[in-house]
Amino acid sequence: MSAGGQSDEAGPGDLGALILDYHPAASAEMIAAARVYEERVTGLGHRFLDAVDAALATLRRSPRLGRSDRRGRRRWLVRRFPYVIIYRIEDNILHVLAVAHTSRMPGYWESRDSAKP
């Protein structure tokens, strides 16, 4: 991910893939969760980040896989971890609004979505 919040991971083989744009708070919460996992078990934080990366790679190729809500936001579960990626698709950008724990503070991230209902 670049400093501006966008990922420049698309390469020649990813011509149809979306650009990732992380809300700053989504990036911070993903890193915080990885640190907690790493403190519990060495290597688990890296496995968490790998699982998030794999989920995002899937969504970049097939962004409509995630279940949509009335406001057009989508959610996709992270394999093997109790986290969900909340995102919105606009043009060729996949906006990551949150990397949220599935059973803590539901909807806390809603203020991050600046799109009109």
PDB file of N, CA and C in Angstrom:
ATOM      1  N   MET A   1       0.849  -1.171   0.000  1.00  0.00           N
ATOM      2  CA  MET A   1       0.000   0.000   0.000  1.00  0.00           C
ATOM      3  C   MET A   1       0.890   1.227   0.000  1.00  0.00           C
ATOM      4  N   SER A   2       0.524   2.218  -0.791  1.00  0.00           N
ATOM      5  CA  SER A   2       1.316   3.442  -0.844  1.00  0.00           C
ATOM      6  C   SER A   2       0.926   4.382   0.281  1.00  0.00           C
ATOM      7  N   ALA A   3       1.738   5.409   0.498  1.00  0.00           N
ATOM      8  CA  ALA A   3       1.507   6.340   1.591  1.00  0.00           C
ATOM      9  C   ALA A   3       0.179   7.060   1.470  1.00  0.00           C
ATOM     10  N   GLY A   4      -0.333   7.255   0.266  1.00  0.00           N
ATOM     11  CA  GLY A   4      -1.583   7.965   0.070  1.00  0.00           C
ATOM     12  C   GLY A   4      -2.812   7.122   0.332  1.00  0.00           C
ATOM     13  N   GLY A   5      -2.654   5.881   0.750  1.00  0.00           N
ATOM     14  CA  GLY A   5      -3.786   5.024   1.041  1.00  0.00           C
ATOM     15  C   GLY A   5      -4.176   4.132  -0.114  1.00  0.00           C
ATOM     16  N   GLN A   6      -3.602   4.377  -1.295  1.00  0.00           N
ATOM     17  CA  GLN A   6      -3.930   3.536  -2.428  1.00  0.00           C
ATOM     18  C   GLN A   6      -2.857   2.476  -2.608  1.00  0.00           C
ATOM     19  N   SER A   7      -3.299   1.332  -3.071  1.00  0.00           N
ATOM     20  CA  SER A   7      -2.379   0.253  -3.360  1.00  0.00           C
ATOM     21  C   SER A   7      -2.017   0.313  -4.829  1.00  0.00           C
ATOM     22  N   ASP A   8      -0.741   0.147  -5.113  1.00  0.00           N
ATOM     23  CA  ASP A   8      -0.313   0.126  -6.505  1.00  0.00           C
ATOM     24  C   ASP A   8       0.092  -1.284  -6.897  1.00  0.00           C
ATOM     25  N   GLU A   9      -0.632  -2.279  -6.367  1.00  0.00           N
ATOM     26  CA  GLU A   9      -0.281  -3.671  -6.550  1.00  0.00           C
ATOM     27  C   GLU A   9      -0.635  -4.213  -7.930  1.00  0.00           C
ATOM     28  N   ALA A  10      -1.433  -3.504  -8.708  1.00  0.00           N
ATOM     29  CA  ALA A  10      -1.834  -4.029 -10.012  1.00  0.00           C
ATOM     30  C   ALA A  10      -0.625  -4.144 -10.919  1.00  0.00           C
ATOM     31  N   GLY A  11      -0.490  -5.284 -11.542  1.00  0.00           N
ATOM     32  CA  GLY A  11       0.616  -5.525 -12.451  1.00  0.00           C
ATOM     33  C   GLY A  11       0.080  -5.880 -13.823  1.00  0.00           C
ATOM     34  N   PRO A  12       0.956  -6.278 -14.740  1.00  0.00           N
ATOM     35  CA  PRO A  12       0.527  -6.583 -16.104  1.00  0.00           C
ATOM     36  C   PRO A  12      -0.547  -7.659 -16.183  1.00  0.00           C
ATOM     37  N   GLY A  13      -0.531  -8.603 -15.261  1.00  0.00           N
ATOM     38  CA  GLY A  13      -1.529  -9.663 -15.281  1.00  0.00           C
ATOM     39  C   GLY A  13      -2.852  -9.261 -14.665  1.00  0.00           C
ATOM     40  N   ASP A  14      -2.933  -8.063 -14.082  1.00  0.00           N
ATOM     41  CA  ASP A  14      -4.125  -7.607 -13.376  1.00  0.00           C
ATOM     42  C   ASP A  14      -4.825  -6.465 -14.099  1.00  0.00           C
ATOM     43  N   LEU A  15      -4.867  -6.487 -15.408  1.00  0.00           N
ATOM     44  CA  LEU A  15      -5.406  -5.360 -16.160  1.00  0.00           C
ATOM     45  C   LEU A  15      -6.839  -5.032 -15.783  1.00  0.00           C
ATOM     46  N   GLY A  16      -7.639  -6.024 -15.405  1.00  0.00           N
ATOM     47  CA  GLY A  16      -9.026  -5.762 -15.038  1.00  0.00           C
ATOM     48  C   GLY A  16      -9.227  -5.576 -13.551  1.00  0.00           C
ATOM     49  N   ALA A  17      -8.187  -5.674 -12.770  1.00  0.00           N
ATOM     50  CA  ALA A  17      -8.317  -5.607 -11.324  1.00  0.00           C
ATOM     51  C   ALA A  17      -8.513  -4.170 -10.859  1.00  0.00           C
ATOM     52  N   LEU A  18      -9.206  -4.037  -9.750  1.00  0.00           N
ATOM     53  CA  LEU A  18      -9.465  -2.732  -9.166  1.00  0.00           C
ATOM     54  C   LEU A  18      -8.273  -2.234  -8.354  1.00  0.00           C
ATOM     55  N   ILE A  19      -8.190  -0.944  -8.239  1.00  0.00           N
ATOM     56  CA  ILE A  19      -7.197  -0.303  -7.374  1.00  0.00           C
ATOM     57  C   ILE A  19      -7.747  -0.315  -5.954  1.00  0.00           C
ATOM     58  N   LEU A  20      -6.900  -0.620  -4.982  1.00  0.00           N
ATOM     59  CA  LEU A  20      -7.312  -0.591  -3.583  1.00  0.00           C
ATOM     60  C   LEU A  20      -7.061   0.784  -2.994  1.00  0.00           C
ATOM     61  N   ASP A  21      -8.050   1.272  -2.255  1.00  0.00           N
ATOM     62  CA  ASP A  21      -7.933   2.536  -1.543  1.00  0.00           C
ATOM     63  C   ASP A  21      -8.393   2.286  -0.109  1.00  0.00           C
ATOM     64  N   TYR A  22      -7.483   2.389   0.833  1.00  0.00           N
ATOM     65  CA  TYR A  22      -7.785   2.131   2.238  1.00  0.00           C
ATOM     66  C   TYR A  22      -8.157   3.422   2.953  1.00  0.00           C
ATOM     67  N   HIS A  23      -9.264   3.404   3.667  1.00  0.00           N
ATOM     68  CA  HIS A  23      -9.540   4.492   4.596  1.00  0.00           C
ATOM     69  C   HIS A  23      -8.424   4.432   5.636  1.00  0.00           C
ATOM     70  N   PRO A  24      -7.862   5.576   6.058  1.00  0.00           N
ATOM     71  CA  PRO A  24      -6.753   5.535   7.024  1.00  0.00           C
ATOM     72  C   PRO A  24      -7.071   4.735   8.283  1.00  0.00           C
ATOM     73  N   ALA A  25      -8.307   4.826   8.769  1.00  0.00           N
ATOM     74  CA  ALA A  25      -8.678   4.076   9.976  1.00  0.00           C
ATOM     75  C   ALA A  25      -8.737   2.573   9.699  1.00  0.00           C
ATOM     76  N   ALA A  26      -9.107   2.187   8.483  1.00  0.00           N
ATOM     77  CA  ALA A  26      -9.144   0.759   8.137  1.00  0.00           C
ATOM     78  C   ALA A  26      -7.739   0.186   8.137  1.00  0.00           C
ATOM     79  N   SER A  27      -6.822   0.958   7.604  1.00  0.00           N
ATOM     80  CA  SER A  27      -5.421   0.539   7.593  1.00  0.00           C
ATOM     81  C   SER A  27      -4.895   0.388   9.021  1.00  0.00           C
ATOM     82  N   ALA A  28      -5.207   1.364   9.854  1.00  0.00           N
ATOM     83  CA  ALA A  28      -4.740   1.342  11.246  1.00  0.00           C
ATOM     84  C   ALA A  28      -5.326   0.170  12.021  1.00  0.00           C
ATOM     85  N   GLU A  29      -6.617  -0.113  11.817  1.00  0.00           N
ATOM     86  CA  GLU A  29      -7.215  -1.215  12.577  1.00  0.00           C
ATOM     87  C   GLU A  29      -6.699  -2.568  12.100  1.00  0.00           C
ATOM     88  N   MET A  30      -6.373  -2.678  10.821  1.00  0.00           N
ATOM     89  CA  MET A  30      -5.797  -3.920  10.301  1.00  0.00           C
ATOM     90  C   MET A  30      -4.426  -4.170  10.935  1.00  0.00           C
ATOM     91  N   ILE A  31      -3.618  -3.132  11.012  1.00  0.00           N
ATOM     92  CA  ILE A  31      -2.290  -3.254  11.618  1.00  0.00           C
ATOM     93  C   ILE A  31      -2.405  -3.542  13.117  1.00  0.00           C
ATOM     94  N   ALA A  32      -3.344  -2.881  13.793  1.00  0.00           N
ATOM     95  CA  ALA A  32      -3.538  -3.116  15.234  1.00  0.00           C
ATOM     96  C   ALA A  32      -3.955  -4.564  15.499  1.00  0.00           C
ATOM     97  N   ALA A  33      -4.850  -5.099  14.677  1.00  0.00           N
ATOM     98  CA  ALA A  33      -5.282  -6.493  14.850  1.00  0.00           C
ATOM     99  C   ALA A  33      -4.106  -7.438  14.628  1.00  0.00           C
ATOM    100  N   ALA A  34      -3.290  -7.160  13.622  1.00  0.00           N
ATOM    101  CA  ALA A  34      -2.123  -8.004  13.358  1.00  0.00           C
ATOM    102  C   ALA A  34      -1.170  -7.987  14.547  1.00  0.00           C
ATOM    103  N   ARG A  35      -0.992  -6.832  15.147  1.00  0.00           N
ATOM    104  CA  ARG A  35      -0.105  -6.743  16.327  1.00  0.00           C
ATOM    105  C   ARG A  35      -0.631  -7.563  17.494  1.00  0.00           C
ATOM    106  N   VAL A  36      -1.945  -7.499  17.719  1.00  0.00           N
ATOM    107  CA  VAL A  36      -2.548  -8.287  18.806  1.00  0.00           C
ATOM    108  C   VAL A  36      -2.331  -9.770  18.548  1.00  0.00           C
ATOM    109  N   TYR A  37      -2.579 -10.215  17.329  1.00  0.00           N
ATOM    110  CA  TYR A  37      -2.375 -11.629  16.997  1.00  0.00           C
ATOM    111  C   TYR A  37      -0.903 -12.018  17.156  1.00  0.00           C
ATOM    112  N   GLU A  38      -0.009 -11.148  16.749  1.00  0.00           N
ATOM    113  CA  GLU A  38       1.426 -11.442  16.831  1.00  0.00           C
ATOM    114  C   GLU A  38       1.876 -11.549  18.286  1.00  0.00           C
ATOM    115  N   GLU A  39       1.287 -10.733  19.167  1.00  0.00           N
ATOM    116  CA  GLU A  39       1.618 -10.807  20.593  1.00  0.00           C
ATOM    117  C   GLU A  39       1.147 -12.123  21.202  1.00  0.00           C
ATOM    118  N   ARG A  40       0.057 -12.644  20.699  1.00  0.00           N
ATOM    119  CA  ARG A  40      -0.477 -13.909  21.217  1.00  0.00           C
ATOM    120  C   ARG A  40       0.375 -15.090  20.779  1.00  0.00           C
ATOM    121  N   VAL A  41       0.671 -15.128  19.472  1.00  0.00           N
ATOM    122  CA  VAL A  41       1.433 -16.244  18.913  1.00  0.00           C
ATOM    123  C   VAL A  41       2.345 -15.694  17.819  1.00  0.00           C
ATOM    124  N   THR A  42       3.627 -15.959  17.938  1.00  0.00           N
ATOM    125  CA  THR A  42       4.571 -15.494  16.920  1.00  0.00           C
ATOM    126  C   THR A  42       4.176 -16.034  15.547  1.00  0.00           C
ATOM    127  N   GLY A  43       4.074 -15.137  14.586  1.00  0.00           N
ATOM    128  CA  GLY A  43       3.707 -15.507  13.223  1.00  0.00           C
ATOM    129  C   GLY A  43       2.226 -15.375  12.919  1.00  0.00           C
ATOM    130  N   LEU A  44       1.388 -15.325  13.953  1.00  0.00           N
ATOM    131  CA  LEU A  44      -0.057 -15.260  13.725  1.00  0.00           C
ATOM    132  C   LEU A  44      -0.465 -13.908  13.128  1.00  0.00           C
ATOM    133  N   GLY A  45       0.208 -12.854  13.504  1.00  0.00           N
ATOM    134  CA  GLY A  45      -0.075 -11.540  12.927  1.00  0.00           C
ATOM    135  C   GLY A  45       0.203 -11.525  11.438  1.00  0.00           C
ATOM    136  N   HIS A  46       1.290 -12.175  11.044  1.00  0.00           N
ATOM    137  CA  HIS A  46       1.622 -12.262   9.615  1.00  0.00           C
ATOM    138  C   HIS A  46       0.596 -13.112   8.870  1.00  0.00           C
ATOM    139  N   ARG A  47       0.121 -14.175   9.516  1.00  0.00           N
ATOM    140  CA  ARG A  47      -0.903 -15.013   8.885  1.00  0.00           C
ATOM    141  C   ARG A  47      -2.205 -14.225   8.719  1.00  0.00           C
ATOM    142  N   PHE A  48      -2.529 -13.381   9.700  1.00  0.00           N
ATOM    143  CA  PHE A  48      -3.717 -12.532   9.596  1.00  0.00           C
ATOM    144  C   PHE A  48      -3.588 -11.591   8.394  1.00  0.00           C
ATOM    145  N   LEU A  49      -2.447 -10.910   8.291  1.00  0.00           N
ATOM    146  CA  LEU A  49      -2.240  -9.990   7.167  1.00  0.00           C
ATOM    147  C   LEU A  49      -2.269 -10.722   5.826  1.00  0.00           C
ATOM    148  N   ASP A  50      -1.714 -11.928   5.790  1.00  0.00           N
ATOM    149  CA  ASP A  50      -1.763 -12.734   4.564  1.00  0.00           C
ATOM    150  C   ASP A  50      -3.209 -13.076   4.197  1.00  0.00           C
ATOM    151  N   ALA A  51      -4.028 -13.391   5.210  1.00  0.00           N
ATOM    152  CA  ALA A  51      -5.432 -13.726   4.967  1.00  0.00           C
ATOM    153  C   ALA A  51      -6.203 -12.502   4.460  1.00  0.00           C
ATOM    154  N   VAL A  52      -5.920 -11.332   5.020  1.00  0.00           N
ATOM    155  CA  VAL A  52      -6.553 -10.101   4.548  1.00  0.00           C
ATOM    156  C   VAL A  52      -6.120  -9.828   3.106  1.00  0.00           C
ATOM    157  N   ASP A  53      -4.824  -9.967   2.838  1.00  0.00           N
ATOM    158  CA  ASP A  53      -4.319  -9.753   1.470  1.00  0.00           C
ATOM    159  C   ASP A  53      -4.975 -10.705   0.476  1.00  0.00           C
ATOM    160  N   ALA A  54      -5.147 -11.967   0.870  1.00  0.00           N
ATOM    161  CA  ALA A  54      -5.782 -12.953  -0.013  1.00  0.00           C
ATOM    162  C   ALA A  54      -7.239 -12.575  -0.274  1.00  0.00           C
ATOM    163  N   ALA A  55      -7.937 -12.126   0.762  1.00  0.00           N
ATOM    164  CA  ALA A  55      -9.335 -11.709   0.597  1.00  0.00           C
ATOM    165  C   ALA A  55      -9.423 -10.510  -0.345  1.00  0.00           C
ATOM    166  N   LEU A  56      -8.527  -9.556  -0.170  1.00  0.00           N
ATOM    167  CA  LEU A  56      -8.537  -8.370  -1.028  1.00  0.00           C
ATOM    168  C   LEU A  56      -8.161  -8.712  -2.471  1.00  0.00           C
ATOM    169  N   ALA A  57      -7.266  -9.661  -2.662  1.00  0.00           N
ATOM    170  CA  ALA A  57      -6.909 -10.091  -4.017  1.00  0.00           C
ATOM    171  C   ALA A  57      -8.134 -10.705  -4.708  1.00  0.00           C
ATOM    172  N   THR A  58      -8.898 -11.493  -3.976  1.00  0.00           N
ATOM    173  CA  THR A  58     -10.126 -12.072  -4.518  1.00  0.00           C
ATOM    174  C   THR A  58     -11.114 -10.973  -4.891  1.00  0.00           C
ATOM    175  N   LEU A  59     -11.269  -9.992  -4.010  1.00  0.00           N
ATOM    176  CA  LEU A  59     -12.214  -8.911  -4.265  1.00  0.00           C
ATOM    177  C   LEU A  59     -11.771  -8.011  -5.412  1.00  0.00           C
ATOM    178  N   ARG A  60     -10.493  -7.834  -5.591  1.00  0.00           N
ATOM    179  CA  ARG A  60     -10.015  -7.019  -6.717  1.00  0.00           C
ATOM    180  C   ARG A  60     -10.383  -7.669  -8.043  1.00  0.00           C
ATOM    181  N   ARG A  61     -10.361  -9.002  -8.071  1.00  0.00           N
ATOM    182  CA  ARG A  61     -10.707  -9.717  -9.306  1.00  0.00           C
ATOM    183  C   ARG A  61     -12.224  -9.816  -9.495  1.00  0.00           C
ATOM    184  N   SER A  62     -12.940 -10.002  -8.380  1.00  0.00           N
ATOM    185  CA  SER A  62     -14.396 -10.213  -8.426  1.00  0.00           C
ATOM    186  C   SER A  62     -15.061  -9.405  -7.319  1.00  0.00           C
ATOM    187  N   PRO A  63     -15.129  -8.097  -7.464  1.00  0.00           N
ATOM    188  CA  PRO A  63     -15.584  -7.235  -6.377  1.00  0.00           C
ATOM    189  C   PRO A  63     -17.039  -7.418  -5.972  1.00  0.00           C
ATOM    190  N   ARG A  64     -17.851  -7.987  -6.816  1.00  0.00           N
ATOM    191  CA  ARG A  64     -19.260  -8.135  -6.472  1.00  0.00           C
ATOM    192  C   ARG A  64     -19.552  -9.419  -5.690  1.00  0.00           C
ATOM    193  N   LEU A  65     -18.518 -10.143  -5.299  1.00  0.00           N
ATOM    194  CA  LEU A  65     -18.705 -11.351  -4.491  1.00  0.00           C
ATOM    195  C   LEU A  65     -19.278 -11.024  -3.119  1.00  0.00           C
ATOM    196  N   GLY A  66     -18.860  -9.917  -2.554  1.00  0.00           N
ATOM    197  CA  GLY A  66     -19.308  -9.545  -1.211  1.00  0.00           C
ATOM    198  C   GLY A  66     -20.784  -9.192  -1.180  1.00  0.00           C
ATOM    199  N   ARG A  67     -21.417  -9.523  -0.065  1.00  0.00           N
ATOM    200  CA  ARG A  67     -22.840  -9.229   0.110  1.00  0.00           C
ATOM    201  C   ARG A  67     -23.045  -7.716   0.244  1.00  0.00           C
ATOM    202  N   SER A  68     -24.004  -7.190  -0.480  1.00  0.00           N
ATOM    203  CA  SER A  68     -24.262  -5.754  -0.509  1.00  0.00           C
ATOM    204  C   SER A  68     -25.384  -5.376   0.459  1.00  0.00           C
ATOM    205  N   ASP A  69     -25.278  -4.155   1.038  1.00  0.00           N
ATOM    206  CA  ASP A  69     -26.374  -3.639   1.860  1.00  0.00           C
ATOM    207  C   ASP A  69     -27.145  -2.590   1.052  1.00  0.00           C
ATOM    208  N   ARG A  70     -28.150  -1.982   1.658  1.00  0.00           N
ATOM    209  CA  ARG A  70     -29.002  -1.003   0.965  1.00  0.00           C
ATOM    210  C   ARG A  70     -28.235   0.212   0.472  1.00  0.00           C
ATOM    211  N   ARG A  71     -27.110   0.513   1.104  1.00  0.00           N
ATOM    212  CA  ARG A  71     -26.337   1.701   0.736  1.00  0.00           C
ATOM    213  C   ARG A  71     -25.218   1.392  -0.258  1.00  0.00           C
ATOM    214  N   GLY A  72     -25.141   0.147  -0.708  1.00  0.00           N
ATOM    215  CA  GLY A  72     -24.137  -0.218  -1.709  1.00  0.00           C
ATOM    216  C   GLY A  72     -22.789  -0.619  -1.134  1.00  0.00           C
ATOM    217  N   ARG A  73     -22.711  -0.689   0.180  1.00  0.00           N
ATOM    218  CA  ARG A  73     -21.474  -1.184   0.786  1.00  0.00           C
ATOM    219  C   ARG A  73     -21.513  -2.704   0.747  1.00  0.00           C
ATOM    220  N   ARG A  74     -20.353  -3.284   0.700  1.00  0.00           N
ATOM    221  CA  ARG A  74     -20.267  -4.739   0.639  1.00  0.00           C
ATOM    222  C   ARG A  74     -19.392  -5.249   1.774  1.00  0.00           C
ATOM    223  N   ARG A  75     -19.549  -6.523   2.064  1.00  0.00           N
ATOM    224  CA  ARG A  75     -18.739  -7.145   3.111  1.00  0.00           C
ATOM    225  C   ARG A  75     -18.265  -8.513   2.667  1.00  0.00           C
ATOM    226  N   TRP A  76     -17.032  -8.826   3.072  1.00  0.00           N
ATOM    227  CA  TRP A  76     -16.410 -10.098   2.702  1.00  0.00           C
ATOM    228  C   TRP A  76     -15.623 -10.609   3.902  1.00  0.00           C
ATOM    229  N   LEU A  77     -15.863 -11.851   4.270  1.00  0.00           N
ATOM    230  CA  LEU A  77     -15.190 -12.440   5.431  1.00  0.00           C
ATOM    231  C   LEU A  77     -13.738 -12.788   5.122  1.00  0.00           C
ATOM    232  N   VAL A  78     -12.895 -12.602   6.120  1.00  0.00           N
ATOM    233  CA  VAL A  78     -11.487 -12.987   6.036  1.00  0.00           C
ATOM    234  C   VAL A  78     -11.405 -14.440   6.502  1.00  0.00           C
ATOM    235  N   ARG A  79     -10.839 -15.295   5.675  1.00  0.00           N
ATOM    236  CA  ARG A  79     -10.748 -16.721   6.038  1.00  0.00           C
ATOM    237  C   ARG A  79      -9.909 -16.943   7.288  1.00  0.00           C
ATOM    238  N   ARG A  80     -10.398 -17.836   8.139  1.00  0.00           N
ATOM    239  CA  ARG A  80      -9.707 -18.294   9.343  1.00  0.00           C
ATOM    240  C   ARG A  80      -9.593 -17.259  10.464  1.00  0.00           C
ATOM    241  N   PHE A  81     -10.153 -16.080  10.274  1.00  0.00           N
ATOM    242  CA  PHE A  81     -10.111 -15.042  11.301  1.00  0.00           C
ATOM    243  C   PHE A  81     -11.494 -14.403  11.406  1.00  0.00           C
ATOM    244  N   PRO A  82     -11.879 -13.965  12.604  1.00  0.00           N
ATOM    245  CA  PRO A  82     -13.215 -13.372  12.777  1.00  0.00           C
ATOM    246  C   PRO A  82     -13.257 -11.903  12.353  1.00  0.00           C
ATOM    247  N   TYR A  83     -12.871 -11.643  11.132  1.00  0.00           N
ATOM    248  CA  TYR A  83     -12.842 -10.281  10.604  1.00  0.00           C
ATOM    249  C   TYR A  83     -13.572 -10.230   9.273  1.00  0.00           C
ATOM    250  N   VAL A  84     -14.124  -9.056   9.007  1.00  0.00           N
ATOM    251  CA  VAL A  84     -14.835  -8.815   7.755  1.00  0.00           C
ATOM    252  C   VAL A  84     -14.273  -7.537   7.134  1.00  0.00           C
ATOM    253  N   ILE A  85     -14.163  -7.546   5.816  1.00  0.00           N
ATOM    254  CA  ILE A  85     -13.733  -6.363   5.082  1.00  0.00           C
ATOM    255  C   ILE A  85     -15.001  -5.659   4.604  1.00  0.00           C
ATOM    256  N   ILE A  86     -15.147  -4.401   5.006  1.00  0.00           N
ATOM    257  CA  ILE A  86     -16.270  -3.582   4.564  1.00  0.00           C
ATOM    258  C   ILE A  86     -15.731  -2.689   3.454  1.00  0.00           C
ATOM    259  N   TYR A  87     -16.395  -2.688   2.298  1.00  0.00           N
ATOM    260  CA  TYR A  87     -15.860  -1.935   1.175  1.00  0.00           C
ATOM    261  C   TYR A  87     -16.968  -1.399   0.284  1.00  0.00           C
ATOM    262  N   ARG A  88     -16.584  -0.476  -0.562  1.00  0.00           N
ATOM    263  CA  ARG A  88     -17.471   0.115  -1.559  1.00  0.00           C
ATOM    264  C   ARG A  88     -16.711   0.137  -2.881  1.00  0.00           C
ATOM    265  N   ILE A  89     -17.424  -0.082  -3.979  1.00  0.00           N
ATOM    266  CA  ILE A  89     -16.815  -0.054  -5.311  1.00  0.00           C
ATOM    267  C   ILE A  89     -17.276   1.227  -6.012  1.00  0.00           C
ATOM    268  N   GLU A  90     -16.332   1.987  -6.515  1.00  0.00           N
ATOM    269  CA  GLU A  90     -16.645   3.174  -7.308  1.00  0.00           C
ATOM    270  C   GLU A  90     -15.654   3.236  -8.462  1.00  0.00           C
ATOM    271  N   ASP A  91     -16.201   3.270  -9.666  1.00  0.00           N
ATOM    272  CA  ASP A  91     -15.374   3.272 -10.874  1.00  0.00           C
ATOM    273  C   ASP A  91     -14.419   2.085 -10.825  1.00  0.00           C
ATOM    274  N   ASN A  92     -13.122   2.313 -10.887  1.00  0.00           N
ATOM    275  CA  ASN A  92     -12.149   1.216 -10.847  1.00  0.00           C
ATOM    276  C   ASN A  92     -11.433   1.144  -9.501  1.00  0.00           C
ATOM    277  N   ILE A  93     -12.115   1.632  -8.453  1.00  0.00           N
ATOM    278  CA  ILE A  93     -11.505   1.672  -7.118  1.00  0.00           C
ATOM    279  C   ILE A  93     -12.336   0.862  -6.129  1.00  0.00           C
ATOM    280  N   LEU A  94     -11.656   0.042  -5.360  1.00  0.00           N
ATOM    281  CA  LEU A  94     -12.276  -0.689  -4.263  1.00  0.00           C
ATOM    282  C   LEU A  94     -11.867   0.054  -2.991  1.00  0.00           C
ATOM    283  N   HIS A  95     -12.810   0.777  -2.398  1.00  0.00           N
ATOM    284  CA  HIS A  95     -12.553   1.560  -1.190  1.00  0.00           C
ATOM    285  C   HIS A  95     -12.755   0.658   0.029  1.00  0.00           C
ATOM    286  N   VAL A  96     -11.705   0.403   0.776  1.00  0.00           N
ATOM    287  CA  VAL A  96     -11.787  -0.399   1.993  1.00  0.00           C
ATOM    288  C   VAL A  96     -12.140   0.553   3.130  1.00  0.00           C
ATOM    289  N   LEU A  97     -13.352   0.401   3.659  1.00  0.00           N
ATOM    290  CA  LEU A  97     -13.824   1.269   4.733  1.00  0.00           C
ATOM    291  C   LEU A  97     -13.416   0.758   6.107  1.00  0.00           C
ATOM    292  N   ALA A  98     -13.357  -0.566   6.250  1.00  0.00           N
ATOM    293  CA  ALA A  98     -13.021  -1.143   7.556  1.00  0.00           C
ATOM    294  C   ALA A  98     -12.526  -2.572   7.399  1.00  0.00           C
ATOM    295  N   VAL A  99     -11.671  -2.971   8.322  1.00  0.00           N
ATOM    296  CA  VAL A  99     -11.306  -4.364   8.532  1.00  0.00           C
ATOM    297  C   VAL A  99     -11.749  -4.612   9.962  1.00  0.00           C
ATOM    298  N   ALA A 100     -13.003  -5.066  10.089  1.00  0.00           N
ATOM    299  CA  ALA A 100     -13.700  -5.064  11.376  1.00  0.00           C
ATOM    300  C   ALA A 100     -13.853  -6.461  11.967  1.00  0.00           C
ATOM    301  N   HIS A 101     -13.711  -6.539  13.275  1.00  0.00           N
ATOM    302  CA  HIS A 101     -13.989  -7.784  13.988  1.00  0.00           C
ATOM    303  C   HIS A 101     -15.480  -8.064  13.853  1.00  0.00           C
ATOM    304  N   THR A 102     -15.838  -9.305  13.638  1.00  0.00           N
ATOM    305  CA  THR A 102     -17.236  -9.643  13.366  1.00  0.00           C
ATOM    306  C   THR A 102     -18.153  -9.538  14.579  1.00  0.00           C
ATOM    307  N   SER A 103     -17.606  -9.502  15.782  1.00  0.00           N
ATOM    308  CA  SER A 103     -18.495  -9.448  16.951  1.00  0.00           C
ATOM    309  C   SER A 103     -18.175  -8.301  17.913  1.00  0.00           C
ATOM    310  N   ARG A 104     -17.538  -7.264  17.408  1.00  0.00           N
ATOM    311  CA  ARG A 104     -17.253  -6.099  18.245  1.00  0.00           C
ATOM    312  C   ARG A 104     -17.793  -4.834  17.599  1.00  0.00           C
ATOM    313  N   MET A 105     -18.491  -4.042  18.335  1.00  0.00           N
ATOM    314  CA  MET A 105     -18.982  -2.732  17.914  1.00  0.00           C
ATOM    315  C   MET A 105     -19.521  -2.700  16.480  1.00  0.00           C
ATOM    316  N   PRO A 106     -20.619  -3.380  16.198  1.00  0.00           N
ATOM    317  CA  PRO A 106     -21.153  -3.379  14.842  1.00  0.00           C
ATOM    318  C   PRO A 106     -21.462  -1.958  14.359  1.00  0.00           C
ATOM    319  N   GLY A 107     -21.117  -1.681  13.113  1.00  0.00           N
ATOM    320  CA  GLY A 107     -21.431  -0.413  12.499  1.00  0.00           C
ATOM    321  C   GLY A 107     -20.583   0.780  12.897  1.00  0.00           C
ATOM    322  N   TYR A 108     -19.549   0.570  13.734  1.00  0.00           N
ATOM    323  CA  TYR A 108     -18.723   1.693  14.195  1.00  0.00           C
ATOM    324  C   TYR A 108     -18.078   2.444  13.029  1.00  0.00           C
ATOM    325  N   TRP A 109     -17.910   1.801  11.921  1.00  0.00           N
ATOM    326  CA  TRP A 109     -17.206   2.337  10.755  1.00  0.00           C
ATOM    327  C   TRP A 109     -18.116   3.141   9.819  1.00  0.00           C
ATOM    328  N   GLU A 110     -19.416   3.175  10.084  1.00  0.00           N
ATOM    329  CA  GLU A 110     -20.363   3.796   9.143  1.00  0.00           C
ATOM    330  C   GLU A 110     -20.035   5.246   8.817  1.00  0.00           C
ATOM    331  N   SER A 111     -19.482   5.997   9.732  1.00  0.00           N
ATOM    332  CA  SER A 111     -19.171   7.405   9.467  1.00  0.00           C
ATOM    333  C   SER A 111     -18.022   7.548   8.445  1.00  0.00           C
ATOM    334  N   ARG A 112     -17.319   6.476   8.163  1.00  0.00           N
ATOM    335  CA  ARG A 112     -16.225   6.512   7.187  1.00  0.00           C
ATOM    336  C   ARG A 112     -16.731   6.521   5.751  1.00  0.00           C
ATOM    337  N   ASP A 113     -17.975   6.167   5.558  1.00  0.00           N
ATOM    338  CA  ASP A 113     -18.543   6.061   4.217  1.00  0.00           C
ATOM    339  C   ASP A 113     -19.142   7.396   3.825  1.00  0.00           C
ATOM    340  N   SER A 114     -18.450   8.104   2.960  1.00  0.00           N
ATOM    341  CA  SER A 114     -18.907   9.429   2.556  1.00  0.00           C
ATOM    342  C   SER A 114     -19.848   9.391   1.358  1.00  0.00           C
ATOM    343  N   ALA A 115     -20.110   8.214   0.800  1.00  0.00           N
ATOM    344  CA  ALA A 115     -20.988   8.106  -0.364  1.00  0.00           C
ATOM    345  C   ALA A 115     -22.426   8.418   0.028  1.00  0.00           C
ATOM    346  N   LYS A 116     -23.158   8.968  -0.871  1.00  0.00           N
ATOM    347  CA  LYS A 116     -24.560   9.317  -0.612  1.00  0.00           C
ATOM    348  C   LYS A 116     -25.405   8.044  -0.583  1.00  0.00           C
ATOM    349  N   PRO A 117     -26.439   8.011   0.297  1.00  0.00           N
ATOM    350  CA  PRO A 117     -27.296   6.811   0.391  1.00  0.00           C
ATOM    351  C   PRO A 117     -28.101   6.566  -0.858  1.00  0.00           C
TER     352      PRO A 117
END
